Amino acid sequence: MDQPCNDSIVESVVALLRKRSEVGTEKYGVTLDRDDLTLGDWLEHSVLEGLDDTLYKMKALRTVREREAEQ
């Protein structure tokens, strides 16, 4: 299962996922295999992460649009 594929994009995402897992384990002392959260807790975490993602994308989009307007 750990054998690489021929897609560099997939490989880069796998590497990022592994790194995020390491960071999360170091920061929180647990993995996603934990069982102390309810399904509602997991969904709330997901919603909050999604909101953060939207904010980052809006910032990036605004920056791109401002740069395009300068050209």
Protein backbone atom coordinates (compact mmCIF):
# COMPACT_ATOMS: atom_id res chain seq x y z
CA MET A 1 0.00 0.00 0.00
CA ASP A 2 2.93 2.34 0.54
CA GLN A 3 4.31 1.94 -2.94
CA PRO A 4 4.54 5.20 -4.87
CA CYS A 5 2.39 5.89 -7.90
CA ASN A 6 3.31 7.67 -11.11
CA ASP A 7 1.41 10.84 -10.22
CA SER A 8 3.55 13.54 -8.60
CA ILE A 9 0.48 15.44 -7.45
CA VAL A 10 -0.87 12.41 -5.59
CA GLU A 11 2.54 11.79 -4.05
CA SER A 12 2.78 15.39 -2.86
CA VAL A 13 -0.67 15.15 -1.25
CA VAL A 14 0.26 11.87 0.47
CA ALA A 15 3.42 13.52 1.82
CA LEU A 16 1.39 16.47 3.12
CA LEU A 17 -1.11 14.14 4.79
CA ARG A 18 1.69 12.25 6.52
CA LYS A 19 3.26 15.52 7.72
CA ARG A 20 -0.10 16.82 9.01
CA SER A 21 -0.58 13.59 10.90
CA GLU A 22 2.84 13.99 12.53
CA VAL A 23 2.14 17.61 13.46
CA GLY A 24 -1.27 16.75 14.89
CA THR A 25 0.08 13.85 16.90
CA GLU A 26 2.86 16.03 18.32
CA LYS A 27 0.49 18.93 19.07
CA TYR A 28 -2.44 16.99 20.53
CA GLY A 29 -0.81 13.73 21.60
CA VAL A 30 -3.40 11.62 19.76
CA THR A 31 -4.13 10.42 16.24
CA LEU A 32 -7.40 10.45 14.34
CA ASP A 33 -7.92 6.92 15.64
CA ARG A 34 -9.02 8.50 18.93
CA ASP A 35 -12.47 7.60 20.19
CA ASP A 36 -13.16 10.35 22.71
CA LEU A 37 -15.08 12.59 20.29
CA THR A 38 -18.67 12.19 19.18
CA LEU A 39 -19.75 12.28 15.57
CA GLY A 40 -21.08 15.76 16.27
CA ASP A 41 -17.67 16.82 17.57
CA TRP A 42 -15.99 15.52 14.40
CA LEU A 43 -18.51 17.35 12.22
CA GLU A 44 -18.03 20.57 14.17
CA HIS A 45 -14.25 20.31 13.72
CA SER A 46 -14.78 19.75 10.00
CA VAL A 47 -17.09 22.76 9.65
CA LEU A 48 -14.62 25.03 11.46
CA GLU A 49 -11.72 23.78 9.33
CA GLY A 50 -13.84 24.37 6.22
CA LEU A 51 -14.52 27.93 7.31
CA ASP A 52 -10.80 28.51 7.82
CA ASP A 53 -10.18 27.07 4.35
CA THR A 54 -12.72 29.47 2.86
CA LEU A 55 -11.03 32.44 4.53
CA TYR A 56 -7.62 31.40 3.16
CA LYS A 57 -9.04 31.00 -0.33
CA MET A 58 -10.77 34.38 -0.21
CA LYS A 59 -7.54 36.05 0.87
CA ALA A 60 -5.65 34.33 -1.96
CA LEU A 61 -8.35 35.22 -4.49
CA ARG A 62 -8.33 38.86 -3.42
CA THR A 63 -4.55 38.97 -3.76
CA VAL A 64 -4.70 37.42 -7.25
CA ARG A 65 -7.44 39.82 -8.36
CA GLU A 66 -5.49 42.83 -7.06
CA ARG A 67 -2.37 41.69 -8.90
CA GLU A 68 -4.36 41.10 -12.10
CA ALA A 69 -5.84 44.60 -11.85
CA GLU A 70 -2.34 46.08 -11.62
CA GLN A 71 -1.28 44.50 -14.92
